[in-house]
Amino acid sequence: MAKKVALIHPQTGLMKSGYYGFSWTFLFFGWLVPVFRGELFVALLHMVITVATLGIWQLVIAFLYNKQYMTRMLEKGYVFNDTEQVNEEARHKIGVAKL
Protein backbone atom coordinates (compact mmCIF):
# COMPACT_ATOMS: atom_id res chain seq x y z
CA MET A 1 0.00 0.00 0.00
CA ALA A 2 1.26 3.45 -0.86
CA LYS A 3 2.19 5.87 1.88
CA LYS A 4 1.92 9.64 1.59
CA VAL A 5 4.70 12.17 2.12
CA ALA A 6 4.49 15.95 1.79
CA LEU A 7 6.75 17.69 -0.73
CA ILE A 8 7.55 21.39 -1.18
CA HIS A 9 9.40 23.31 -3.86
CA PRO A 10 11.69 25.72 -1.94
CA GLN A 11 11.85 28.40 -4.65
CA THR A 12 8.13 28.57 -5.49
CA GLY A 13 6.55 27.36 -2.25
CA LEU A 14 4.32 24.92 -4.17
CA MET A 15 3.29 21.94 -2.08
CA LYS A 16 2.43 18.50 -3.44
CA SER A 17 1.76 15.07 -2.05
CA GLY A 18 4.16 12.31 -2.97
CA TYR A 19 3.67 8.60 -2.48
CA TYR A 20 5.92 5.59 -2.10
CA GLY A 21 5.12 1.89 -2.14
CA PHE A 22 2.73 -0.19 -4.26
CA SER A 23 0.24 1.91 -6.25
CA TRP A 24 -3.22 0.40 -6.04
CA THR A 25 -4.47 3.51 -7.79
CA PHE A 26 -2.29 2.81 -10.83
CA LEU A 27 -3.30 -0.84 -10.80
CA PHE A 28 -6.99 0.05 -11.11
CA PHE A 29 -6.89 3.33 -13.05
CA GLY A 30 -3.68 2.93 -15.04
CA TRP A 31 -2.58 5.81 -17.23
CA LEU A 32 -5.22 8.12 -15.73
CA VAL A 33 -3.09 8.48 -12.57
CA PRO A 34 -0.37 10.53 -14.32
CA VAL A 35 -3.12 12.63 -15.95
CA PHE A 36 -4.49 13.56 -12.53
CA ARG A 37 -0.97 14.32 -11.28
CA GLY A 38 -0.33 16.65 -14.22
CA GLU A 39 2.09 14.45 -16.18
CA LEU A 40 0.45 14.31 -19.60
CA PHE A 41 3.43 12.97 -21.57
CA VAL A 42 3.96 10.21 -19.00
CA ALA A 43 0.23 9.37 -19.20
CA LEU A 44 0.39 9.11 -23.00
CA LEU A 45 3.45 6.90 -22.80
CA HIS A 46 1.82 4.59 -20.23
CA MET A 47 -1.39 4.41 -22.29
CA VAL A 48 0.49 3.35 -25.43
CA ILE A 49 2.55 0.73 -23.58
CA THR A 50 -0.53 -0.61 -21.73
CA VAL A 51 -2.41 -1.08 -25.01
CA ALA A 52 0.64 -2.64 -26.70
CA THR A 53 1.10 -5.16 -23.86
CA LEU A 54 -2.63 -5.88 -23.47
CA GLY A 55 -2.65 -4.55 -19.89
CA ILE A 56 0.32 -6.45 -18.51
CA TRP A 57 2.28 -3.19 -18.23
CA GLN A 58 -0.33 -1.81 -15.86
CA LEU A 59 0.21 -4.70 -13.46
CA VAL A 60 4.01 -4.41 -13.58
CA ILE A 61 4.23 -0.62 -13.31
CA ALA A 62 1.93 -0.56 -10.25
CA PHE A 63 4.99 -1.74 -8.29
CA LEU A 64 7.21 1.02 -9.74
CA TYR A 65 5.07 4.07 -10.52
CA ASN A 66 5.16 5.86 -7.15
CA LYS A 67 8.95 5.59 -6.95
CA GLN A 68 9.29 6.94 -10.49
CA TYR A 69 6.90 9.81 -9.73
CA MET A 70 8.76 10.76 -6.56
CA THR A 71 12.09 10.61 -8.40
CA ARG A 72 10.75 13.00 -11.06
CA MET A 73 9.47 15.40 -8.37
CA LEU A 74 12.82 15.38 -6.54
CA GLU A 75 14.64 16.01 -9.82
CA LYS A 76 12.39 19.04 -10.41
CA GLY A 77 13.59 20.51 -7.12
CA TYR A 78 10.93 19.39 -4.64
CA VAL A 79 12.13 18.37 -1.17
CA PHE A 80 10.54 16.31 1.59
CA ASN A 81 8.39 18.41 3.93
CA ASP A 82 6.90 15.94 6.39
CA THR A 83 7.90 14.68 9.82
CA GLU A 84 11.50 13.48 10.03
CA GLN A 85 10.32 9.88 10.53
CA VAL A 86 8.14 9.94 7.38
CA ASN A 87 10.87 11.74 5.41
CA GLU A 88 13.46 9.15 6.44
CA GLU A 89 11.18 6.22 5.57
CA ALA A 90 10.43 7.75 2.16
CA ARG A 91 14.13 8.36 1.50
CA HIS A 92 14.89 4.75 2.40
CA LYS A 93 12.10 3.27 0.24
CA ILE A 94 12.94 5.45 -2.75
CA GLY A 95 16.70 5.08 -2.34
CA VAL A 96 17.59 8.75 -1.83
CA ALA A 97 20.47 9.80 0.40
CA LYS A 98 19.91 12.47 3.05
CA LEU A 99 21.75 15.67 2.14
PDB file of N, CA and C in Angstrom:
ATOM      1  N   MET A   1       0.841  -1.174   0.000  1.00  0.00           N
ATOM      2  CA  MET A   1       0.000   0.000   0.000  1.00  0.00           C
ATOM      3  C   MET A   1       0.887   1.239   0.000  1.00  0.00           C
ATOM      4  N   ALA A   2       0.479   2.218  -0.753  1.00  0.00           N
ATOM      5  CA  ALA A   2       1.257   3.453  -0.856  1.00  0.00           C
ATOM      6  C   ALA A   2       1.112   4.288   0.409  1.00  0.00           C
ATOM      7  N   LYS A   3       2.202   4.959   0.742  1.00  0.00           N
ATOM      8  CA  LYS A   3       2.189   5.870   1.881  1.00  0.00           C
ATOM      9  C   LYS A   3       2.453   7.273   1.363  1.00  0.00           C
ATOM     10  N   LYS A   4       1.868   8.251   2.033  1.00  0.00           N
ATOM     11  CA  LYS A   4       1.924   9.637   1.592  1.00  0.00           C
ATOM     12  C   LYS A   4       3.040  10.387   2.306  1.00  0.00           C
ATOM     13  N   VAL A   5       3.686  11.290   1.562  1.00  0.00           N
ATOM     14  CA  VAL A   5       4.702  12.170   2.125  1.00  0.00           C
ATOM     15  C   VAL A   5       4.520  13.547   1.482  1.00  0.00           C
ATOM     16  N   ALA A   6       4.647  14.586   2.286  1.00  0.00           N
ATOM     17  CA  ALA A   6       4.492  15.952   1.792  1.00  0.00           C
ATOM     18  C   ALA A   6       5.782  16.404   1.114  1.00  0.00           C
ATOM     19  N   LEU A   7       5.621  17.132   0.002  1.00  0.00           N
ATOM     20  CA  LEU A   7       6.747  17.691  -0.729  1.00  0.00           C
ATOM     21  C   LEU A   7       6.534  19.196  -0.874  1.00  0.00           C
ATOM     22  N   ILE A   8       7.633  19.948  -0.946  1.00  0.00           N
ATOM     23  CA  ILE A   8       7.546  21.386  -1.178  1.00  0.00           C
ATOM     24  C   ILE A   8       8.668  21.791  -2.119  1.00  0.00           C
ATOM     25  N   HIS A   9       8.374  22.756  -2.975  1.00  0.00           N
ATOM     26  CA  HIS A   9       9.403  23.313  -3.855  1.00  0.00           C
ATOM     27  C   HIS A   9       9.924  24.577  -3.183  1.00  0.00           C
ATOM     28  N   PRO A  10      11.182  24.591  -2.744  1.00  0.00           N
ATOM     29  CA  PRO A  10      11.692  25.717  -1.945  1.00  0.00           C
ATOM     30  C   PRO A  10      11.624  27.080  -2.639  1.00  0.00           C
ATOM     31  N   GLN A  11      11.845  27.122  -3.952  1.00  0.00           N
ATOM     32  CA  GLN A  11      11.847  28.404  -4.654  1.00  0.00           C
ATOM     33  C   GLN A  11      10.444  28.958  -4.868  1.00  0.00           C
ATOM     34  N   THR A  12       9.472  28.095  -5.172  1.00  0.00           N
ATOM     35  CA  THR A  12       8.129  28.568  -5.491  1.00  0.00           C
ATOM     36  C   THR A  12       7.155  28.446  -4.329  1.00  0.00           C
ATOM     37  N   GLY A  13       7.456  27.581  -3.371  1.00  0.00           N
ATOM     38  CA  GLY A  13       6.548  27.359  -2.251  1.00  0.00           C
ATOM     39  C   GLY A  13       5.399  26.417  -2.577  1.00  0.00           C
ATOM     40  N   LEU A  14       5.381  25.867  -3.787  1.00  0.00           N
ATOM     41  CA  LEU A  14       4.324  24.921  -4.167  1.00  0.00           C
ATOM     42  C   LEU A  14       4.445  23.651  -3.340  1.00  0.00           C
ATOM     43  N   MET A  15       3.309  23.173  -2.862  1.00  0.00           N
ATOM     44  CA  MET A  15       3.288  21.941  -2.079  1.00  0.00           C
ATOM     45  C   MET A  15       2.539  20.862  -2.857  1.00  0.00           C
ATOM     46  N   LYS A  16       3.059  19.649  -2.797  1.00  0.00           N
ATOM     47  CA  LYS A  16       2.429  18.498  -3.444  1.00  0.00           C
ATOM     48  C   LYS A  16       2.520  17.317  -2.497  1.00  0.00           C
ATOM     49  N   SER A  17       1.693  16.334  -2.765  1.00  0.00           N
ATOM     50  CA  SER A  17       1.763  15.068  -2.046  1.00  0.00           C
ATOM     51  C   SER A  17       2.518  14.070  -2.907  1.00  0.00           C
ATOM     52  N   GLY A  18       3.455  13.385  -2.297  1.00  0.00           N
ATOM     53  CA  GLY A  18       4.164  12.313  -2.972  1.00  0.00           C
ATOM     54  C   GLY A  18       3.780  11.001  -2.318  1.00  0.00           C
ATOM     55  N   TYR A  19       4.037   9.919  -2.999  1.00  0.00           N
ATOM     56  CA  TYR A  19       3.669   8.604  -2.483  1.00  0.00           C
ATOM     57  C   TYR A  19       4.817   7.646  -2.729  1.00  0.00           C
ATOM     58  N   TYR A  20       4.923   6.634  -1.889  1.00  0.00           N
ATOM     59  CA  TYR A  20       5.916   5.587  -2.098  1.00  0.00           C
ATOM     60  C   TYR A  20       5.280   4.266  -1.700  1.00  0.00           C
ATOM     61  N   GLY A  21       5.710   3.209  -2.365  1.00  0.00           N
ATOM     62  CA  GLY A  21       5.123   1.888  -2.143  1.00  0.00           C
ATOM     63  C   GLY A  21       4.245   1.481  -3.327  1.00  0.00           C
ATOM     64  N   PHE A  22       3.584   0.351  -3.199  1.00  0.00           N
ATOM     65  CA  PHE A  22       2.730  -0.189  -4.264  1.00  0.00           C
ATOM     66  C   PHE A  22       1.580   0.755  -4.562  1.00  0.00           C
ATOM     67  N   SER A  23       1.296   0.980  -5.838  1.00  0.00           N
ATOM     68  CA  SER A  23       0.244   1.906  -6.248  1.00  0.00           C
ATOM     69  C   SER A  23      -1.019   1.154  -6.669  1.00  0.00           C
ATOM     70  N   TRP A  24      -1.928   1.006  -5.718  1.00  0.00           N
ATOM     71  CA  TRP A  24      -3.223   0.401  -6.039  1.00  0.00           C
ATOM     72  C   TRP A  24      -3.989   1.286  -7.019  1.00  0.00           C
ATOM     73  N   THR A  25      -3.793   2.571  -6.897  1.00  0.00           N
ATOM     74  CA  THR A  25      -4.472   3.508  -7.793  1.00  0.00           C
ATOM     75  C   THR A  25      -4.049   3.252  -9.232  1.00  0.00           C
ATOM     76  N   PHE A  26      -2.747   3.073  -9.464  1.00  0.00           N
ATOM     77  CA  PHE A  26      -2.288   2.809 -10.827  1.00  0.00           C
ATOM     78  C   PHE A  26      -2.765   1.443 -11.302  1.00  0.00           C
ATOM     79  N   LEU A  27      -2.833   0.485 -10.419  1.00  0.00           N
ATOM     80  CA  LEU A  27      -3.299  -0.843 -10.805  1.00  0.00           C
ATOM     81  C   LEU A  27      -4.723  -0.783 -11.349  1.00  0.00           C
ATOM     82  N   PHE A  28      -5.585  -0.005 -10.694  1.00  0.00           N
ATOM     83  CA  PHE A  28      -6.991   0.050 -11.105  1.00  0.00           C
ATOM     84  C   PHE A  28      -7.284   1.111 -12.159  1.00  0.00           C
ATOM     85  N   PHE A  29      -6.567   2.232 -12.142  1.00  0.00           N
ATOM     86  CA  PHE A  29      -6.890   3.333 -13.052  1.00  0.00           C
ATOM     87  C   PHE A  29      -5.830   3.576 -14.116  1.00  0.00           C
ATOM     88  N   GLY A  30      -4.705   2.894 -14.010  1.00  0.00           N
ATOM     89  CA  GLY A  30      -3.679   2.931 -15.043  1.00  0.00           C
ATOM     90  C   GLY A  30      -3.201   4.315 -15.414  1.00  0.00           C
ATOM     91  N   TRP A  31      -3.149   4.570 -16.709  1.00  0.00           N
ATOM     92  CA  TRP A  31      -2.578   5.806 -17.232  1.00  0.00           C
ATOM     93  C   TRP A  31      -3.346   7.060 -16.817  1.00  0.00           C
ATOM     94  N   LEU A  32      -4.498   6.935 -16.203  1.00  0.00           N
ATOM     95  CA  LEU A  32      -5.219   8.122 -15.726  1.00  0.00           C
ATOM     96  C   LEU A  32      -4.535   8.744 -14.501  1.00  0.00           C
ATOM     97  N   VAL A  33      -3.783   7.965 -13.758  1.00  0.00           N
ATOM     98  CA  VAL A  33      -3.091   8.483 -12.572  1.00  0.00           C
ATOM     99  C   VAL A  33      -2.120   9.599 -12.948  1.00  0.00           C
ATOM    100  N   PRO A  34      -1.243   9.410 -13.944  1.00  0.00           N
ATOM    101  CA  PRO A  34      -0.375  10.530 -14.320  1.00  0.00           C
ATOM    102  C   PRO A  34      -1.154  11.731 -14.863  1.00  0.00           C
ATOM    103  N   VAL A  35      -2.294  11.507 -15.484  1.00  0.00           N
ATOM    104  CA  VAL A  35      -3.116  12.632 -15.953  1.00  0.00           C
ATOM    105  C   VAL A  35      -3.542  13.476 -14.762  1.00  0.00           C
ATOM    106  N   PHE A  36      -4.035  12.836 -13.708  1.00  0.00           N
ATOM    107  CA  PHE A  36      -4.490  13.565 -12.526  1.00  0.00           C
ATOM    108  C   PHE A  36      -3.334  14.233 -11.786  1.00  0.00           C
ATOM    109  N   ARG A  37      -2.135  13.714 -11.927  1.00  0.00           N
ATOM    110  CA  ARG A  37      -0.967  14.316 -11.277  1.00  0.00           C
ATOM    111  C   ARG A  37      -0.272  15.345 -12.169  1.00  0.00           C
ATOM    112  N   GLY A  38      -0.843  15.604 -13.346  1.00  0.00           N
ATOM    113  CA  GLY A  38      -0.326  16.649 -14.223  1.00  0.00           C
ATOM    114  C   GLY A  38       0.817  16.227 -15.126  1.00  0.00           C
ATOM    115  N   GLU A  39       1.009  14.954 -15.332  1.00  0.00           N
ATOM    116  CA  GLU A  39       2.090  14.450 -16.176  1.00  0.00           C
ATOM    117  C   GLU A  39       1.503  13.865 -17.469  1.00  0.00           C
ATOM    118  N   LEU A  40       1.166  14.742 -18.402  1.00  0.00           N
ATOM    119  CA  LEU A  40       0.454  14.313 -19.602  1.00  0.00           C
ATOM    120  C   LEU A  40       1.308  13.443 -20.521  1.00  0.00           C
ATOM    121  N   PHE A  41       2.580  13.791 -20.710  1.00  0.00           N
ATOM    122  CA  PHE A  41       3.429  12.966 -21.565  1.00  0.00           C
ATOM    123  C   PHE A  41       3.613  11.571 -20.978  1.00  0.00           C
ATOM    124  N   VAL A  42       3.811  11.496 -19.669  1.00  0.00           N
ATOM    125  CA  VAL A  42       3.962  10.206 -18.997  1.00  0.00           C
ATOM    126  C   VAL A  42       2.675   9.395 -19.157  1.00  0.00           C
ATOM    127  N   ALA A  43       1.517  10.052 -19.038  1.00  0.00           N
ATOM    128  CA  ALA A  43       0.231   9.371 -19.204  1.00  0.00           C
ATOM    129  C   ALA A  43       0.100   8.795 -20.610  1.00  0.00           C
ATOM    130  N   LEU A  44       0.457   9.582 -21.619  1.00  0.00           N
ATOM    131  CA  LEU A  44       0.385   9.112 -22.996  1.00  0.00           C
ATOM    132  C   LEU A  44       1.303   7.913 -23.211  1.00  0.00           C
ATOM    133  N   LEU A  45       2.504   7.996 -22.686  1.00  0.00           N
ATOM    134  CA  LEU A  45       3.453   6.901 -22.801  1.00  0.00           C
ATOM    135  C   LEU A  45       2.911   5.629 -22.139  1.00  0.00           C
ATOM    136  N   HIS A  46       2.371   5.752 -20.930  1.00  0.00           N
ATOM    137  CA  HIS A  46       1.817   4.594 -20.226  1.00  0.00           C
ATOM    138  C   HIS A  46       0.602   4.018 -20.969  1.00  0.00           C
ATOM    139  N   MET A  47      -0.220   4.884 -21.542  1.00  0.00           N
ATOM    140  CA  MET A  47      -1.389   4.405 -22.286  1.00  0.00           C
ATOM    141  C   MET A  47      -0.957   3.575 -23.490  1.00  0.00           C
ATOM    142  N   VAL A  48       0.014   4.067 -24.243  1.00  0.00           N
ATOM    143  CA  VAL A  48       0.494   3.346 -25.426  1.00  0.00           C
ATOM    144  C   VAL A  48       1.082   1.999 -25.030  1.00  0.00           C
ATOM    145  N   ILE A  49       1.909   1.981 -23.999  1.00  0.00           N
ATOM    146  CA  ILE A  49       2.547   0.725 -23.580  1.00  0.00           C
ATOM    147  C   ILE A  49       1.508  -0.245 -23.017  1.00  0.00           C
ATOM    148  N   THR A  50       0.521   0.259 -22.278  1.00  0.00           N
ATOM    149  CA  THR A  50      -0.532  -0.609 -21.727  1.00  0.00           C
ATOM    150  C   THR A  50      -1.315  -1.275 -22.850  1.00  0.00           C
ATOM    151  N   VAL A  51      -1.671  -0.507 -23.872  1.00  0.00           N
ATOM    152  CA  VAL A  51      -2.406  -1.077 -25.005  1.00  0.00           C
ATOM    153  C   VAL A  51      -1.529  -2.092 -25.746  1.00  0.00           C
ATOM    154  N   ALA A  52      -0.263  -1.756 -25.959  1.00  0.00           N
ATOM    155  CA  ALA A  52       0.642  -2.640 -26.696  1.00  0.00           C
ATOM    156  C   ALA A  52       0.889  -3.959 -25.964  1.00  0.00           C
ATOM    157  N   THR A  53       0.845  -3.941 -24.626  1.00  0.00           N
ATOM    158  CA  THR A  53       1.102  -5.163 -23.856  1.00  0.00           C
ATOM    159  C   THR A  53      -0.185  -5.817 -23.357  1.00  0.00           C
ATOM    160  N   LEU A  54      -1.316  -5.345 -23.837  1.00  0.00           N
ATOM    161  CA  LEU A  54      -2.630  -5.877 -23.471  1.00  0.00           C
ATOM    162  C   LEU A  54      -2.884  -5.819 -21.960  1.00  0.00           C
ATOM    163  N   GLY A  55      -2.375  -4.774 -21.302  1.00  0.00           N
ATOM    164  CA  GLY A  55      -2.649  -4.545 -19.892  1.00  0.00           C
ATOM    165  C   GLY A  55      -1.630  -5.095 -18.927  1.00  0.00           C
ATOM    166  N   ILE A  56      -0.689  -5.883 -19.402  1.00  0.00           N
ATOM    167  CA  ILE A  56       0.323  -6.453 -18.506  1.00  0.00           C
ATOM    168  C   ILE A  56       1.187  -5.345 -17.904  1.00  0.00           C
ATOM    169  N   TRP A  57       1.475  -4.321 -18.700  1.00  0.00           N
ATOM    170  CA  TRP A  57       2.282  -3.186 -18.232  1.00  0.00           C
ATOM    171  C   TRP A  57       1.669  -2.555 -16.991  1.00  0.00           C
ATOM    172  N   GLN A  58       0.356  -2.437 -16.985  1.00  0.00           N
ATOM    173  CA  GLN A  58      -0.334  -1.805 -15.856  1.00  0.00           C
ATOM    174  C   GLN A  58      -0.094  -2.578 -14.562  1.00  0.00           C
ATOM    175  N   LEU A  59      -0.058  -3.878 -14.640  1.00  0.00           N
ATOM    176  CA  LEU A  59       0.213  -4.704 -13.456  1.00  0.00           C
ATOM    177  C   LEU A  59       1.656  -4.528 -12.989  1.00  0.00           C
ATOM    178  N   VAL A  60       2.592  -4.523 -13.920  1.00  0.00           N
ATOM    179  CA  VAL A  60       4.009  -4.411 -13.581  1.00  0.00           C
ATOM    180  C   VAL A  60       4.335  -3.027 -13.028  1.00  0.00           C
ATOM    181  N   ILE A  61       3.860  -1.983 -13.689  1.00  0.00           N
ATOM    182  CA  ILE A  61       4.232  -0.623 -13.307  1.00  0.00           C
ATOM    183  C   ILE A  61       3.580  -0.194 -11.988  1.00  0.00           C
ATOM    184  N   ALA A  62       2.547  -0.877 -11.547  1.00  0.00           N
ATOM    185  CA  ALA A  62       1.934  -0.559 -10.253  1.00  0.00           C
ATOM    186  C   ALA A  62       2.944  -0.703  -9.119  1.00  0.00           C
ATOM    187  N   PHE A  63       3.933  -1.565  -9.297  1.00  0.00           N
ATOM    188  CA  PHE A  63       4.987  -1.739  -8.294  1.00  0.00           C
ATOM    189  C   PHE A  63       6.028  -0.615  -8.360  1.00  0.00           C
ATOM    190  N   LEU A  64       6.135   0.064  -9.499  1.00  0.00           N
ATOM    191  CA  LEU A  64       7.211   1.015  -9.739  1.00  0.00           C
ATOM    192  C   LEU A  64       6.767   2.468  -9.858  1.00  0.00           C
ATOM    193  N   TYR A  65       5.499   2.725 -10.148  1.00  0.00           N
ATOM    194  CA  TYR A  65       5.070   4.073 -10.520  1.00  0.00           C
ATOM    195  C   TYR A  65       5.330   5.118  -9.438  1.00  0.00           C
ATOM    196  N   ASN A  66       4.988   4.846  -8.203  1.00  0.00           N
ATOM    197  CA  ASN A  66       5.155   5.855  -7.147  1.00  0.00           C
ATOM    198  C   ASN A  66       6.622   6.242  -6.969  1.00  0.00           C
ATOM    199  N   LYS A  67       7.521   5.280  -7.060  1.00  0.00           N
ATOM    200  CA  LYS A  67       8.950   5.588  -6.946  1.00  0.00           C
ATOM    201  C   LYS A  67       9.394   6.453  -8.122  1.00  0.00           C
ATOM    202  N   GLN A  68       8.927   6.140  -9.318  1.00  0.00           N
ATOM    203  CA  GLN A  68       9.287   6.937 -10.488  1.00  0.00           C
ATOM    204  C   GLN A  68       8.739   8.355 -10.369  1.00  0.00           C
ATOM    205  N   TYR A  69       7.505   8.487  -9.901  1.00  0.00           N
ATOM    206  CA  TYR A  69       6.895   9.807  -9.732  1.00  0.00           C
ATOM    207  C   TYR A  69       7.684  10.635  -8.721  1.00  0.00           C
ATOM    208  N   MET A  70       8.005  10.041  -7.587  1.00  0.00           N
ATOM    209  CA  MET A  70       8.761  10.759  -6.559  1.00  0.00           C
ATOM    210  C   MET A  70      10.143  11.156  -7.081  1.00  0.00           C
ATOM    211  N   THR A  71      10.788  10.294  -7.827  1.00  0.00           N
ATOM    212  CA  THR A  71      12.092  10.614  -8.401  1.00  0.00           C
ATOM    213  C   THR A  71      11.981  11.819  -9.326  1.00  0.00           C
ATOM    214  N   ARG A  72      10.943  11.855 -10.165  1.00  0.00           N
ATOM    215  CA  ARG A  72      10.751  13.004 -11.056  1.00  0.00           C
ATOM    216  C   ARG A  72      10.512  14.288 -10.258  1.00  0.00           C
ATOM    217  N   MET A  73       9.737  14.208  -9.177  1.00  0.00           N
ATOM    218  CA  MET A  73       9.470  15.399  -8.367  1.00  0.00           C
ATOM    219  C   MET A  73      10.752  15.903  -7.694  1.00  0.00           C
ATOM    220  N   LEU A  74      11.558  14.994  -7.176  1.00  0.00           N
ATOM    221  CA  LEU A  74      12.817  15.382  -6.535  1.00  0.00           C
ATOM    222  C   LEU A  74      13.782  15.983  -7.550  1.00  0.00           C
ATOM    223  N   GLU A  75      13.789  15.453  -8.770  1.00  0.00           N
ATOM    224  CA  GLU A  75      14.644  16.009  -9.823  1.00  0.00           C
ATOM    225  C   GLU A  75      14.196  17.411 -10.224  1.00  0.00           C
ATOM    226  N   LYS A  76      12.912  17.705 -10.091  1.00  0.00           N
ATOM    227  CA  LYS A  76      12.385  19.043 -10.407  1.00  0.00           C
ATOM    228  C   LYS A  76      12.658  20.045  -9.295  1.00  0.00           C
ATOM    229  N   GLY A  77      13.225  19.597  -8.180  1.00  0.00           N
ATOM    230  CA  GLY A  77      13.595  20.509  -7.117  1.00  0.00           C
ATOM    231  C   GLY A  77      12.751  20.421  -5.862  1.00  0.00           C
ATOM    232  N   TYR A  78      11.742  19.562  -5.840  1.00  0.00           N
ATOM    233  CA  TYR A  78      10.933  19.389  -4.636  1.00  0.00           C
ATOM    234  C   TYR A  78      11.765  18.711  -3.552  1.00  0.00           C
ATOM    235  N   VAL A  79      11.454  19.010  -2.305  1.00  0.00           N
ATOM    236  CA  VAL A  79      12.127  18.374  -1.174  1.00  0.00           C
ATOM    237  C   VAL A  79      11.067  17.834  -0.224  1.00  0.00           C
ATOM    238  N   PHE A  80      11.465  16.882   0.611  1.00  0.00           N
ATOM    239  CA  PHE A  80      10.540  16.313   1.592  1.00  0.00           C
ATOM    240  C   PHE A  80      10.162  17.374   2.619  1.00  0.00           C
ATOM    241  N   ASN A  81       8.891  17.406   2.985  1.00  0.00           N
ATOM    242  CA  ASN A  81       8.393  18.413   3.929  1.00  0.00           C
ATOM    243  C   ASN A  81       7.402  17.776   4.896  1.00  0.00           C
ATOM    244  N   ASP A  82       7.778  16.651   5.459  1.00  0.00           N
ATOM    245  CA  ASP A  82       6.903  15.939   6.390  1.00  0.00           C
ATOM    246  C   ASP A  82       7.667  15.769   7.695  1.00  0.00           C
ATOM    247  N   THR A  83       7.168  14.939   8.588  1.00  0.00           N
ATOM    248  CA  THR A  83       7.903  14.675   9.823  1.00  0.00           C
ATOM    249  C   THR A  83       9.208  13.961   9.473  1.00  0.00           C
ATOM    250  N   GLU A  84      10.194  14.080  10.311  1.00  0.00           N
ATOM    251  CA  GLU A  84      11.499  13.478  10.025  1.00  0.00           C
ATOM    252  C   GLU A  84      11.389  11.960   9.863  1.00  0.00           C
ATOM    253  N   GLN A  85      10.507  11.333  10.630  1.00  0.00           N
ATOM    254  CA  GLN A  85      10.323   9.883  10.528  1.00  0.00           C
ATOM    255  C   GLN A  85       9.763   9.503   9.154  1.00  0.00           C
ATOM    256  N   VAL A  86       8.740  10.214   8.695  1.00  0.00           N
ATOM    257  CA  VAL A  86       8.139   9.939   7.385  1.00  0.00           C
ATOM    258  C   VAL A  86       9.145  10.247   6.279  1.00  0.00           C
ATOM    259  N   ASN A  87       9.853  11.381   6.409  1.00  0.00           N
ATOM    260  CA  ASN A  87      10.865  11.738   5.414  1.00  0.00           C
ATOM    261  C   ASN A  87      11.935  10.650   5.303  1.00  0.00           C
ATOM    262  N   GLU A  88      12.403  10.163   6.439  1.00  0.00           N
ATOM    263  CA  GLU A  88      13.458   9.147   6.444  1.00  0.00           C
ATOM    264  C   GLU A  88      12.963   7.831   5.825  1.00  0.00           C
ATOM    265  N   GLU A  89      11.741   7.448   6.153  1.00  0.00           N
ATOM    266  CA  GLU A  89      11.181   6.223   5.569  1.00  0.00           C
ATOM    267  C   GLU A  89      11.034   6.360   4.055  1.00  0.00           C
ATOM    268  N   ALA A  90      10.574   7.513   3.604  1.00  0.00           N
ATOM    269  CA  ALA A  90      10.429   7.753   2.163  1.00  0.00           C
ATOM    270  C   ALA A  90      11.787   7.721   1.476  1.00  0.00           C
ATOM    271  N   ARG A  91      12.777   8.374   2.069  1.00  0.00           N
ATOM    272  CA  ARG A  91      14.134   8.357   1.496  1.00  0.00           C
ATOM    273  C   ARG A  91      14.644   6.922   1.363  1.00  0.00           C
ATOM    274  N   HIS A  92      14.422   6.138   2.404  1.00  0.00           N
ATOM    275  CA  HIS A  92      14.889   4.753   2.398  1.00  0.00           C
ATOM    276  C   HIS A  92      14.186   3.939   1.305  1.00  0.00           C
ATOM    277  N   LYS A  93      12.871   4.048   1.213  1.00  0.00           N
ATOM    278  CA  LYS A  93      12.099   3.269   0.241  1.00  0.00           C
ATOM    279  C   LYS A  93      12.408   3.674  -1.200  1.00  0.00           C
ATOM    280  N   ILE A  94      12.674   4.969  -1.407  1.00  0.00           N
ATOM    281  CA  ILE A  94      12.939   5.452  -2.748  1.00  0.00           C
ATOM    282  C   ILE A  94      14.408   5.277  -3.117  1.00  0.00           C
ATOM    283  N   GLY A  95      15.270   5.248  -2.108  1.00  0.00           N
ATOM    284  CA  GLY A  95      16.696   5.081  -2.341  1.00  0.00           C
ATOM    285  C   GLY A  95      17.412   6.410  -2.524  1.00  0.00           C
ATOM    286  N   VAL A  96      16.994   7.416  -1.752  1.00  0.00           N
ATOM    287  CA  VAL A  96      17.588   8.750  -1.832  1.00  0.00           C
ATOM    288  C   VAL A  96      18.408   8.996  -0.575  1.00  0.00           C
ATOM    289  N   ALA A  97      19.612   9.494  -0.747  1.00  0.00           N
ATOM    290  CA  ALA A  97      20.467   9.798   0.402  1.00  0.00           C
ATOM    291  C   ALA A  97      20.047  11.119   1.034  1.00  0.00           C
ATOM    292  N   LYS A  98      20.217  11.227   2.339  1.00  0.00           N
ATOM    293  CA  LYS A  98      19.913  12.471   3.047  1.00  0.00           C
ATOM    294  C   LYS A  98      21.053  13.439   2.802  1.00  0.00           C
ATOM    295  N   LEU A  99      20.716  14.661   2.410  1.00  0.00           N
ATOM    296  CA  LEU A  99      21.750  15.669   2.144  1.00  0.00           C
ATOM    297  C   LEU A  99      22.040  16.484   3.362  1.00  0.00           C
TER     298      LEU A  99
END
